[in-house]
Amino acid sequence: PQASTWEPTEAHADAEITIHGGWIANNTLGIETERPSLI
């Protein structure tokens, strides 16, 4: 598990990343919900 301050740009190319949660705030790109999940 990573701290909430972890930045995706810190990821190594061969790392296995598991997204457990997260919301995209202020999204208006056509996803039906105002706050779509990162997943």
Full PDB file with SEQRES, HELIX, SHEET, SSBOND, CRYST1, ORIGX, SCALE, CONECT and MASTER records, all heavy atoms in Angstrom:
SEQRES   1 A   39  PRO GLN ALA SER THR TRP GLU PRO THR GLU ALA HIS ALA          
SEQRES   2 A   39  ASP ALA GLU ILE THR ILE HIS GLY GLY TRP ILE ALA ASN          
SEQRES   3 A   39  ASN THR LEU GLY ILE GLU THR GLU ARG PRO SER LEU ILE          
HELIX    1 AA1 PRO A    8  GLU A   10  5                                   3    
CRYST1    1.000    1.000    1.000  90.00  90.00  90.00 P 1           1          
ORIGX1      1.000000  0.000000  0.000000        0.00000                         
ORIGX2      0.000000  1.000000  0.000000        0.00000                         
ORIGX3      0.000000  0.000000  1.000000        0.00000                         
SCALE1      1.000000  0.000000  0.000000        0.00000                         
SCALE2      0.000000  1.000000  0.000000        0.00000                         
SCALE3      0.000000  0.000000  1.000000        0.00000                         
ATOM      1  N   PRO A   1       0.839  -1.210   0.000  1.00  0.00           N  
ATOM      2  CA  PRO A   1       0.000   0.000   0.000  1.00  0.00           C  
ATOM      3  C   PRO A   1       0.869   1.254   0.000  1.00  0.00           C  
ATOM      4  O   PRO A   1       1.924   1.294   0.646  1.00  0.00           O  
ATOM      5  CB  PRO A   1      -0.789  -0.111   1.306  1.00  0.00           C  
ATOM      6  CG  PRO A   1      -0.723  -1.551   1.681  1.00  0.00           C  
ATOM      7  CD  PRO A   1       0.589  -2.060   1.158  1.00  0.00           C  
ATOM      8  N   GLN A   2       0.416   2.254  -0.730  1.00  0.00           N  
ATOM      9  CA  GLN A   2       1.152   3.513  -0.832  1.00  0.00           C  
ATOM     10  C   GLN A   2       0.417   4.620  -0.073  1.00  0.00           C  
ATOM     11  O   GLN A   2      -0.804   4.573   0.090  1.00  0.00           O  
ATOM     12  CB  GLN A   2       1.300   3.916  -2.301  1.00  0.00           C  
ATOM     13  CG  GLN A   2       2.027   2.894  -3.148  1.00  0.00           C  
ATOM     14  CD  GLN A   2       3.447   2.665  -2.685  1.00  0.00           C  
ATOM     15  OE1 GLN A   2       4.240   3.598  -2.600  1.00  0.00           O  
ATOM     16  NE2 GLN A   2       3.783   1.419  -2.360  1.00  0.00           N  
ATOM     17  N   ALA A   3       1.164   5.612   0.361  1.00  0.00           N  
ATOM     18  CA  ALA A   3       0.578   6.767   1.040  1.00  0.00           C  
ATOM     19  C   ALA A   3      -0.313   7.539   0.069  1.00  0.00           C  
ATOM     20  O   ALA A   3      -0.133   7.459  -1.157  1.00  0.00           O  
ATOM     21  CB  ALA A   3       1.690   7.675   1.564  1.00  0.00           C  
ATOM     22  N   SER A   4      -1.245   8.281   0.608  1.00  0.00           N  
ATOM     23  CA  SER A   4      -2.164   9.050  -0.237  1.00  0.00           C  
ATOM     24  C   SER A   4      -1.437  10.122  -1.040  1.00  0.00           C  
ATOM     25  O   SER A   4      -1.987  10.656  -2.002  1.00  0.00           O  
ATOM     26  CB  SER A   4      -3.254   9.688   0.614  1.00  0.00           C  
ATOM     27  OG  SER A   4      -2.682  10.581   1.551  1.00  0.00           O  
ATOM     28  N   THR A   5      -0.192  10.416  -0.680  1.00  0.00           N  
ATOM     29  CA  THR A   5       0.591  11.416  -1.406  1.00  0.00           C  
ATOM     30  C   THR A   5       1.377  10.807  -2.571  1.00  0.00           C  
ATOM     31  O   THR A   5       2.069  11.527  -3.287  1.00  0.00           O  
ATOM     32  CB  THR A   5       1.587  12.104  -0.445  1.00  0.00           C  
ATOM     33  OG1 THR A   5       2.408  11.093   0.163  1.00  0.00           O  
ATOM     34  CG2 THR A   5       0.839  12.896   0.617  1.00  0.00           C  
ATOM     35  N   TRP A   6       1.256   9.484  -2.774  1.00  0.00           N  
ATOM     36  CA  TRP A   6       1.970   8.806  -3.848  1.00  0.00           C  
ATOM     37  C   TRP A   6       1.567   9.380  -5.200  1.00  0.00           C  
ATOM     38  O   TRP A   6       0.396   9.661  -5.452  1.00  0.00           O  
ATOM     39  CB  TRP A   6       1.657   7.311  -3.816  1.00  0.00           C  
ATOM     40  CG  TRP A   6       2.375   6.517  -4.857  1.00  0.00           C  
ATOM     41  CD1 TRP A   6       3.656   6.078  -4.806  1.00  0.00           C  
ATOM     42  CD2 TRP A   6       1.851   6.041  -6.096  1.00  0.00           C  
ATOM     43  NE1 TRP A   6       3.965   5.360  -5.948  1.00  0.00           N  
ATOM     44  CE2 TRP A   6       2.868   5.333  -6.757  1.00  0.00           C  
ATOM     45  CE3 TRP A   6       0.604   6.160  -6.721  1.00  0.00           C  
ATOM     46  CZ2 TRP A   6       2.699   4.738  -7.996  1.00  0.00           C  
ATOM     47  CZ3 TRP A   6       0.426   5.570  -7.962  1.00  0.00           C  
ATOM     48  CH2 TRP A   6       1.472   4.864  -8.584  1.00  0.00           C  
ATOM     49  N   GLU A   7       2.549   9.581  -6.058  1.00  0.00           N  
ATOM     50  CA  GLU A   7       2.301  10.116  -7.400  1.00  0.00           C  
ATOM     51  C   GLU A   7       2.511   9.023  -8.440  1.00  0.00           C  
ATOM     52  O   GLU A   7       3.529   8.328  -8.407  1.00  0.00           O  
ATOM     53  CB  GLU A   7       3.272  11.265  -7.700  1.00  0.00           C  
ATOM     54  CG  GLU A   7       2.993  12.521  -6.905  1.00  0.00           C  
ATOM     55  CD  GLU A   7       1.722  13.217  -7.353  1.00  0.00           C  
ATOM     56  OE1 GLU A   7       1.353  13.118  -8.537  1.00  0.00           O  
ATOM     57  OE2 GLU A   7       1.099  13.866  -6.492  1.00  0.00           O  
ATOM     58  N   PRO A   8       1.570   8.853  -9.371  1.00  0.00           N  
ATOM     59  CA  PRO A   8       1.719   7.837 -10.419  1.00  0.00           C  
ATOM     60  C   PRO A   8       2.992   7.981 -11.235  1.00  0.00           C  
ATOM     61  O   PRO A   8       3.487   7.008 -11.773  1.00  0.00           O  
ATOM     62  CB  PRO A   8       0.476   8.042 -11.282  1.00  0.00           C  
ATOM     63  CG  PRO A   8      -0.529   8.588 -10.321  1.00  0.00           C  
ATOM     64  CD  PRO A   8       0.265   9.492  -9.409  1.00  0.00           C  
ATOM     65  N   THR A   9       3.534   9.170 -11.313  1.00  0.00           N  
ATOM     66  CA  THR A   9       4.778   9.353 -12.066  1.00  0.00           C  
ATOM     67  C   THR A   9       5.956   8.664 -11.375  1.00  0.00           C  
ATOM     68  O   THR A   9       7.015   8.537 -11.968  1.00  0.00           O  
ATOM     69  CB  THR A   9       5.082  10.851 -12.252  1.00  0.00           C  
ATOM     70  OG1 THR A   9       5.092  11.484 -10.965  1.00  0.00           O  
ATOM     71  CG2 THR A   9       4.037  11.509 -13.143  1.00  0.00           C  
ATOM     72  N   GLU A  10       5.766   8.205 -10.126  1.00  0.00           N  
ATOM     73  CA  GLU A  10       6.798   7.468  -9.404  1.00  0.00           C  
ATOM     74  C   GLU A  10       6.825   5.985  -9.777  1.00  0.00           C  
ATOM     75  O   GLU A  10       7.723   5.260  -9.372  1.00  0.00           O  
ATOM     76  CB  GLU A  10       6.571   7.589  -7.895  1.00  0.00           C  
ATOM     77  CG  GLU A  10       6.676   8.993  -7.358  1.00  0.00           C  
ATOM     78  CD  GLU A  10       6.285   9.101  -5.888  1.00  0.00           C  
ATOM     79  OE1 GLU A  10       6.249   8.061  -5.192  1.00  0.00           O  
ATOM     80  OE2 GLU A  10       6.016  10.207  -5.435  1.00  0.00           O  
ATOM     81  N   ALA A  11       5.841   5.533 -10.535  1.00  0.00           N  
ATOM     82  CA  ALA A  11       5.721   4.113 -10.867  1.00  0.00           C  
ATOM     83  C   ALA A  11       6.807   3.687 -11.847  1.00  0.00           C  
ATOM     84  O   ALA A  11       7.089   4.381 -12.823  1.00  0.00           O  
ATOM     85  CB  ALA A  11       4.351   3.828 -11.475  1.00  0.00           C  
ATOM     86  N   HIS A  12       7.424   2.536 -11.571  1.00  0.00           N  
ATOM     87  CA  HIS A  12       8.363   1.939 -12.516  1.00  0.00           C  
ATOM     88  C   HIS A  12       7.549   1.200 -13.572  1.00  0.00           C  
ATOM     89  O   HIS A  12       6.489   0.643 -13.280  1.00  0.00           O  
ATOM     90  CB  HIS A  12       9.307   0.974 -11.804  1.00  0.00           C  
ATOM     91  CG  HIS A  12      10.183   1.667 -10.813  1.00  0.00           C  
ATOM     92  ND1 HIS A  12      11.263   2.431 -11.184  1.00  0.00           N  
ATOM     93  CD2 HIS A  12      10.123   1.738  -9.463  1.00  0.00           C  
ATOM     94  CE1 HIS A  12      11.836   2.938 -10.115  1.00  0.00           C  
ATOM     95  NE2 HIS A  12      11.160   2.534  -9.055  1.00  0.00           N  
ATOM     96  N   ALA A  13       8.043   1.155 -14.782  1.00  0.00           N  
ATOM     97  CA  ALA A  13       7.310   0.553 -15.895  1.00  0.00           C  
ATOM     98  C   ALA A  13       6.905  -0.887 -15.626  1.00  0.00           C  
ATOM     99  O   ALA A  13       5.820  -1.322 -16.017  1.00  0.00           O  
ATOM    100  CB  ALA A  13       8.128   0.641 -17.181  1.00  0.00           C  
ATOM    101  N   ASP A  14       7.761  -1.647 -14.933  1.00  0.00           N  
ATOM    102  CA  ASP A  14       7.472  -3.063 -14.716  1.00  0.00           C  
ATOM    103  C   ASP A  14       6.764  -3.340 -13.387  1.00  0.00           C  
ATOM    104  O   ASP A  14       6.544  -4.490 -13.023  1.00  0.00           O  
ATOM    105  CB  ASP A  14       8.746  -3.894 -14.810  1.00  0.00           C  
ATOM    106  CG  ASP A  14       9.795  -3.483 -13.787  1.00  0.00           C  
ATOM    107  OD1 ASP A  14       9.664  -2.397 -13.175  1.00  0.00           O  
ATOM    108  OD2 ASP A  14      10.757  -4.244 -13.594  1.00  0.00           O  
ATOM    109  N   ALA A  15       6.373  -2.303 -12.673  1.00  0.00           N  
ATOM    110  CA  ALA A  15       5.668  -2.483 -11.399  1.00  0.00           C  
ATOM    111  C   ALA A  15       4.243  -2.961 -11.638  1.00  0.00           C  
ATOM    112  O   ALA A  15       3.634  -2.673 -12.676  1.00  0.00           O  
ATOM    113  CB  ALA A  15       5.643  -1.171 -10.628  1.00  0.00           C  
ATOM    114  N   GLU A  16       3.715  -3.706 -10.667  1.00  0.00           N  
ATOM    115  CA  GLU A  16       2.312  -4.107 -10.707  1.00  0.00           C  
ATOM    116  C   GLU A  16       1.539  -3.119  -9.834  1.00  0.00           C  
ATOM    117  O   GLU A  16       1.751  -3.049  -8.627  1.00  0.00           O  
ATOM    118  CB  GLU A  16       2.130  -5.520 -10.179  1.00  0.00           C  
ATOM    119  CG  GLU A  16       0.678  -5.966 -10.226  1.00  0.00           C  
ATOM    120  CD  GLU A  16       0.491  -7.370  -9.709  1.00  0.00           C  
ATOM    121  OE1 GLU A  16       0.634  -8.307 -10.499  1.00  0.00           O  
ATOM    122  OE2 GLU A  16       0.212  -7.496  -8.494  1.00  0.00           O  
ATOM    123  N   ILE A  17       0.679  -2.360 -10.458  1.00  0.00           N  
ATOM    124  CA  ILE A  17      -0.091  -1.321  -9.778  1.00  0.00           C  
ATOM    125  C   ILE A  17      -1.516  -1.819  -9.595  1.00  0.00           C  
ATOM    126  O   ILE A  17      -2.155  -2.264 -10.559  1.00  0.00           O  
ATOM    127  CB  ILE A  17      -0.129  -0.023 -10.606  1.00  0.00           C  
ATOM    128  CG1 ILE A  17       1.271   0.397 -11.066  1.00  0.00           C  
ATOM    129  CG2 ILE A  17      -0.860   1.081  -9.857  1.00  0.00           C  
ATOM    130  CD1 ILE A  17       2.221   0.768  -9.984  1.00  0.00           C  
ATOM    131  N   THR A  18      -2.017  -1.737  -8.378  1.00  0.00           N  
ATOM    132  CA  THR A  18      -3.414  -2.076  -8.119  1.00  0.00           C  
ATOM    133  C   THR A  18      -4.111  -0.828  -7.610  1.00  0.00           C  
ATOM    134  O   THR A  18      -3.702  -0.241  -6.605  1.00  0.00           O  
ATOM    135  CB  THR A  18      -3.545  -3.209  -7.090  1.00  0.00           C  
ATOM    136  OG1 THR A  18      -2.822  -4.351  -7.574  1.00  0.00           O  
ATOM    137  CG2 THR A  18      -5.001  -3.591  -6.877  1.00  0.00           C  
ATOM    138  N   ILE A  19      -5.130  -0.424  -8.348  1.00  0.00           N  
ATOM    139  CA  ILE A  19      -5.950   0.718  -7.954  1.00  0.00           C  
ATOM    140  C   ILE A  19      -7.086   0.169  -7.087  1.00  0.00           C  
ATOM    141  O   ILE A  19      -7.854  -0.677  -7.534  1.00  0.00           O  
ATOM    142  CB  ILE A  19      -6.538   1.450  -9.181  1.00  0.00           C  
ATOM    143  CG1 ILE A  19      -5.453   1.834 -10.188  1.00  0.00           C  
ATOM    144  CG2 ILE A  19      -7.376   2.645  -8.743  1.00  0.00           C  
ATOM    145  CD1 ILE A  19      -4.495   2.878  -9.738  1.00  0.00           C  
ATOM    146  N   HIS A  20      -7.174   0.662  -5.861  1.00  0.00           N  
ATOM    147  CA  HIS A  20      -8.230   0.237  -4.937  1.00  0.00           C  
ATOM    148  C   HIS A  20      -9.356   1.259  -4.884  1.00  0.00           C  
ATOM    149  O   HIS A  20     -10.476   0.923  -4.506  1.00  0.00           O  
ATOM    150  CB  HIS A  20      -7.668   0.042  -3.530  1.00  0.00           C  
ATOM    151  CG  HIS A  20      -6.531  -0.913  -3.475  1.00  0.00           C  
ATOM    152  ND1 HIS A  20      -6.697  -2.279  -3.528  1.00  0.00           N  
ATOM    153  CD2 HIS A  20      -5.192  -0.696  -3.379  1.00  0.00           C  
ATOM    154  CE1 HIS A  20      -5.510  -2.865  -3.460  1.00  0.00           C  
ATOM    155  NE2 HIS A  20      -4.581  -1.936  -3.372  1.00  0.00           N  
ATOM    156  N   GLY A  21      -9.051   2.494  -5.208  1.00  0.00           N  
ATOM    157  CA  GLY A  21     -10.060   3.541  -5.144  1.00  0.00           C  
ATOM    158  C   GLY A  21      -9.513   4.858  -5.636  1.00  0.00           C  
ATOM    159  O   GLY A  21      -8.322   5.002  -5.894  1.00  0.00           O  
ATOM    160  N   GLY A  22     -10.392   5.798  -5.760  1.00  0.00           N  
ATOM    161  CA  GLY A  22     -10.037   7.135  -6.226  1.00  0.00           C  
ATOM    162  C   GLY A  22     -11.129   7.651  -7.144  1.00  0.00           C  
ATOM    163  O   GLY A  22     -11.804   6.877  -7.828  1.00  0.00           O  
ATOM    164  N   TRP A  23     -11.299   8.948  -7.128  1.00  0.00           N  
ATOM    165  CA  TRP A  23     -12.334   9.607  -7.921  1.00  0.00           C  
ATOM    166  C   TRP A  23     -11.718  10.737  -8.720  1.00  0.00           C  
ATOM    167  O   TRP A  23     -10.835  11.435  -8.225  1.00  0.00           O  
ATOM    168  CB  TRP A  23     -13.416  10.169  -7.005  1.00  0.00           C  
ATOM    169  CG  TRP A  23     -14.014   9.120  -6.143  1.00  0.00           C  
ATOM    170  CD1 TRP A  23     -13.619   8.778  -4.864  1.00  0.00           C  
ATOM    171  CD2 TRP A  23     -15.055   8.234  -6.497  1.00  0.00           C  
ATOM    172  NE1 TRP A  23     -14.371   7.732  -4.409  1.00  0.00           N  
ATOM    173  CE2 TRP A  23     -15.280   7.379  -5.384  1.00  0.00           C  
ATOM    174  CE3 TRP A  23     -15.840   8.066  -7.629  1.00  0.00           C  
ATOM    175  CZ2 TRP A  23     -16.241   6.383  -5.394  1.00  0.00           C  
ATOM    176  CZ3 TRP A  23     -16.806   7.086  -7.618  1.00  0.00           C  
ATOM    177  CH2 TRP A  23     -16.995   6.261  -6.525  1.00  0.00           C  
ATOM    178  N   ILE A  24     -12.188  10.920  -9.930  1.00  0.00           N  
ATOM    179  CA  ILE A  24     -11.735  12.054 -10.737  1.00  0.00           C  
ATOM    180  C   ILE A  24     -12.686  13.211 -10.463  1.00  0.00           C  
ATOM    181  O   ILE A  24     -13.865  13.153 -10.816  1.00  0.00           O  
ATOM    182  CB  ILE A  24     -11.697  11.707 -12.237  1.00  0.00           C  
ATOM    183  CG1 ILE A  24     -10.715  10.556 -12.468  1.00  0.00           C  
ATOM    184  CG2 ILE A  24     -11.302  12.940 -13.046  1.00  0.00           C  
ATOM    185  CD1 ILE A  24     -10.583  10.136 -13.907  1.00  0.00           C  
ATOM    186  N   ALA A  25     -12.167  14.223  -9.812  1.00  0.00           N  
ATOM    187  CA  ALA A  25     -12.971  15.385  -9.459  1.00  0.00           C  
ATOM    188  C   ALA A  25     -12.964  16.393 -10.598  1.00  0.00           C  
ATOM    189  O   ALA A  25     -11.936  16.607 -11.240  1.00  0.00           O  
ATOM    190  CB  ALA A  25     -12.434  16.023  -8.182  1.00  0.00           C  
ATOM    191  N   ASN A  26     -14.112  16.977 -10.841  1.00  0.00           N  
ATOM    192  CA  ASN A  26     -14.280  18.029 -11.844  1.00  0.00           C  
ATOM    193  C   ASN A  26     -14.186  17.492 -13.266  1.00  0.00           C  
ATOM    194  O   ASN A  26     -13.800  18.200 -14.173  1.00  0.00           O  
ATOM    195  CB  ASN A  26     -13.262  19.150 -11.622  1.00  0.00           C  
ATOM    196  CG  ASN A  26     -13.777  20.474 -12.133  1.00  0.00           C  
ATOM    197  OD1 ASN A  26     -14.977  20.630 -12.334  1.00  0.00           O  
ATOM    198  ND2 ASN A  26     -12.895  21.415 -12.340  1.00  0.00           N  
ATOM    199  N   ASN A  27     -14.547  16.234 -13.469  1.00  0.00           N  
ATOM    200  CA  ASN A  27     -14.488  15.632 -14.800  1.00  0.00           C  
ATOM    201  C   ASN A  27     -15.720  16.017 -15.611  1.00  0.00           C  
ATOM    202  O   ASN A  27     -16.837  15.932 -15.125  1.00  0.00           O  
ATOM    203  CB  ASN A  27     -14.421  14.110 -14.679  1.00  0.00           C  
ATOM    204  CG  ASN A  27     -14.360  13.450 -16.035  1.00  0.00           C  
ATOM    205  OD1 ASN A  27     -15.373  13.255 -16.665  1.00  0.00           O  
ATOM    206  ND2 ASN A  27     -13.173  13.134 -16.479  1.00  0.00           N  
ATOM    207  N   THR A  28     -15.501  16.431 -16.831  1.00  0.00           N  
ATOM    208  CA  THR A  28     -16.604  16.753 -17.726  1.00  0.00           C  
ATOM    209  C   THR A  28     -16.363  16.161 -19.116  1.00  0.00           C  
ATOM    210  O   THR A  28     -16.736  16.737 -20.116  1.00  0.00           O  
ATOM    211  CB  THR A  28     -16.790  18.283 -17.864  1.00  0.00           C  
ATOM    212  OG1 THR A  28     -15.564  18.856 -18.317  1.00  0.00           O  
ATOM    213  CG2 THR A  28     -17.206  18.916 -16.557  1.00  0.00           C  
ATOM    214  N   LEU A  29     -15.716  15.011 -19.166  1.00  0.00           N  
ATOM    215  CA  LEU A  29     -15.326  14.443 -20.454  1.00  0.00           C  
ATOM    216  C   LEU A  29     -16.328  13.432 -21.003  1.00  0.00           C  
ATOM    217  O   LEU A  29     -15.981  12.612 -21.831  1.00  0.00           O  
ATOM    218  CB  LEU A  29     -13.943  13.794 -20.336  1.00  0.00           C  
ATOM    219  CG  LEU A  29     -12.810  14.789 -20.147  1.00  0.00           C  
ATOM    220  CD1 LEU A  29     -11.509  14.043 -19.900  1.00  0.00           C  
ATOM    221  CD2 LEU A  29     -12.677  15.681 -21.354  1.00  0.00           C  
ATOM    222  N   GLY A  30     -17.533  13.467 -20.527  1.00  0.00           N  
ATOM    223  CA  GLY A  30     -18.538  12.585 -21.101  1.00  0.00           C  
ATOM    224  C   GLY A  30     -18.795  11.321 -20.310  1.00  0.00           C  
ATOM    225  O   GLY A  30     -19.638  10.525 -20.691  1.00  0.00           O  
ATOM    226  N   ILE A  31     -18.062  11.090 -19.232  1.00  0.00           N  
ATOM    227  CA  ILE A  31     -18.395   9.967 -18.377  1.00  0.00           C  
ATOM    228  C   ILE A  31     -19.649  10.368 -17.629  1.00  0.00           C  
ATOM    229  O   ILE A  31     -19.771  11.487 -17.152  1.00  0.00           O  
ATOM    230  CB  ILE A  31     -17.233   9.619 -17.424  1.00  0.00           C  
ATOM    231  CG1 ILE A  31     -16.011   9.192 -18.253  1.00  0.00           C  
ATOM    232  CG2 ILE A  31     -17.630   8.520 -16.453  1.00  0.00           C  
ATOM    233  CD1 ILE A  31     -14.775   8.894 -17.441  1.00  0.00           C  
ATOM    234  N   GLU A  32     -20.593   9.464 -17.552  1.00  0.00           N  
ATOM    235  CA  GLU A  32     -21.936   9.800 -17.131  1.00  0.00           C  
ATOM    236  C   GLU A  32     -22.036  10.391 -15.727  1.00  0.00           C  
ATOM    237  O   GLU A  32     -22.948  11.144 -15.440  1.00  0.00           O  
ATOM    238  CB  GLU A  32     -22.848   8.576 -17.234  1.00  0.00           C  
ATOM    239  CG  GLU A  32     -23.141   8.154 -18.669  1.00  0.00           C  
ATOM    240  CD  GLU A  32     -21.954   7.511 -19.392  1.00  0.00           C  
ATOM    241  OE1 GLU A  32     -21.097   6.893 -18.728  1.00  0.00           O  
ATOM    242  OE2 GLU A  32     -21.871   7.668 -20.620  1.00  0.00           O  
ATOM    243  N   THR A  33     -21.123  10.041 -14.848  1.00  0.00           N  
ATOM    244  CA  THR A  33     -21.191  10.568 -13.492  1.00  0.00           C  
ATOM    245  C   THR A  33     -20.300  11.789 -13.360  1.00  0.00           C  
ATOM    246  O   THR A  33     -19.300  11.930 -14.070  1.00  0.00           O  
ATOM    247  CB  THR A  33     -20.749   9.501 -12.468  1.00  0.00           C  
ATOM    248  OG1 THR A  33     -19.414   9.112 -12.756  1.00  0.00           O  
ATOM    249  CG2 THR A  33     -21.668   8.302 -12.499  1.00  0.00           C  
ATOM    250  N   GLU A  34     -20.642  12.653 -12.445  1.00  0.00           N  
ATOM    251  CA  GLU A  34     -19.864  13.875 -12.240  1.00  0.00           C  
ATOM    252  C   GLU A  34     -18.486  13.568 -11.656  1.00  0.00           C  
ATOM    253  O   GLU A  34     -17.518  14.240 -11.947  1.00  0.00           O  
ATOM    254  CB  GLU A  34     -20.622  14.801 -11.298  1.00  0.00           C  
ATOM    255  CG  GLU A  34     -19.957  16.145 -11.115  1.00  0.00           C  
ATOM    256  CD  GLU A  34     -20.792  17.074 -10.256  1.00  0.00           C  
ATOM    257  OE1 GLU A  34     -22.023  17.055 -10.415  1.00  0.00           O  
ATOM    258  OE2 GLU A  34     -20.201  17.791  -9.441  1.00  0.00           O  
ATOM    259  N   ARG A  35     -18.423  12.551 -10.812  1.00  0.00           N  
ATOM    260  CA  ARG A  35     -17.157  12.138 -10.188  1.00  0.00           C  
ATOM    261  C   ARG A  35     -16.908  10.669 -10.504  1.00  0.00           C  
ATOM    262  O   ARG A  35     -17.079   9.819  -9.650  1.00  0.00           O  
ATOM    263  CB  ARG A  35     -17.220  12.346  -8.675  1.00  0.00           C  
ATOM    264  CG  ARG A  35     -17.147  13.776  -8.245  1.00  0.00           C  
ATOM    265  CD  ARG A  35     -17.315  13.915  -6.737  1.00  0.00           C  
ATOM    266  NE  ARG A  35     -16.549  12.951  -5.990  1.00  0.00           N  
ATOM    267  CZ  ARG A  35     -15.419  13.207  -5.320  1.00  0.00           C  
ATOM    268  NH1 ARG A  35     -14.941  14.420  -5.317  1.00  0.00           N  
ATOM    269  NH2 ARG A  35     -14.790  12.282  -4.645  1.00  0.00           N  
ATOM    270  N   PRO A  36     -16.476  10.361 -11.728  1.00  0.00           N  
ATOM    271  CA  PRO A  36     -16.254   8.952 -12.070  1.00  0.00           C  
ATOM    272  C   PRO A  36     -15.097   8.376 -11.262  1.00  0.00           C  
ATOM    273  O   PRO A  36     -14.169   9.094 -10.886  1.00  0.00           O  
ATOM    274  CB  PRO A  36     -15.917   8.990 -13.551  1.00  0.00           C  
ATOM    275  CG  PRO A  36     -15.364  10.355 -13.770  1.00  0.00           C  
ATOM    276  CD  PRO A  36     -16.106  11.254 -12.822  1.00  0.00           C  
ATOM    277  N   SER A  37     -15.172   7.091 -11.006  1.00  0.00           N  
ATOM    278  CA  SER A  37     -14.067   6.449 -10.306  1.00  0.00           C  
ATOM    279  C   SER A  37     -12.858   6.384 -11.233  1.00  0.00           C  
ATOM    280  O   SER A  37     -12.989   6.356 -12.464  1.00  0.00           O  
ATOM    281  CB  SER A  37     -14.454   5.045  -9.846  1.00  0.00           C  
ATOM    282  OG  SER A  37     -14.493   4.161 -10.944  1.00  0.00           O  
ATOM    283  N   LEU A  38     -11.691   6.351 -10.627  1.00  0.00           N  
ATOM    284  CA  LEU A  38     -10.457   6.219 -11.401  1.00  0.00           C  
ATOM    285  C   LEU A  38     -10.464   4.894 -12.157  1.00  0.00           C  
ATOM    286  O   LEU A  38     -10.035   4.825 -13.311  1.00  0.00           O  
ATOM    287  CB  LEU A  38      -9.246   6.316 -10.478  1.00  0.00           C  
ATOM    288  CG  LEU A  38      -7.874   6.226 -11.123  1.00  0.00           C  
ATOM    289  CD1 LEU A  38      -7.699   7.298 -12.199  1.00  0.00           C  
ATOM    290  CD2 LEU A  38      -6.788   6.346 -10.064  1.00  0.00           C  
ATOM    291  N   ILE A  39     -10.999   3.854 -11.535  1.00  0.00           N  
ATOM    292  CA  ILE A  39     -11.095   2.548 -12.188  1.00  0.00           C  
ATOM    293  C   ILE A  39     -11.971   2.643 -13.425  1.00  0.00           C  
ATOM    294  O   ILE A  39     -11.619   2.128 -14.493  1.00  0.00           O  
ATOM    295  CB  ILE A  39     -11.610   1.488 -11.199  1.00  0.00           C  
ATOM    296  CG1 ILE A  39     -10.550   1.245 -10.112  1.00  0.00           C  
ATOM    297  CG2 ILE A  39     -11.987   0.192 -11.919  1.00  0.00           C  
ATOM    298  CD1 ILE A  39     -11.016   0.404  -8.947  1.00  0.00           C  
TER     299      ILE A  39                                                      
MASTER        0    0    0    1    0    0    0    6  298    1    0    3          
END                                                                             
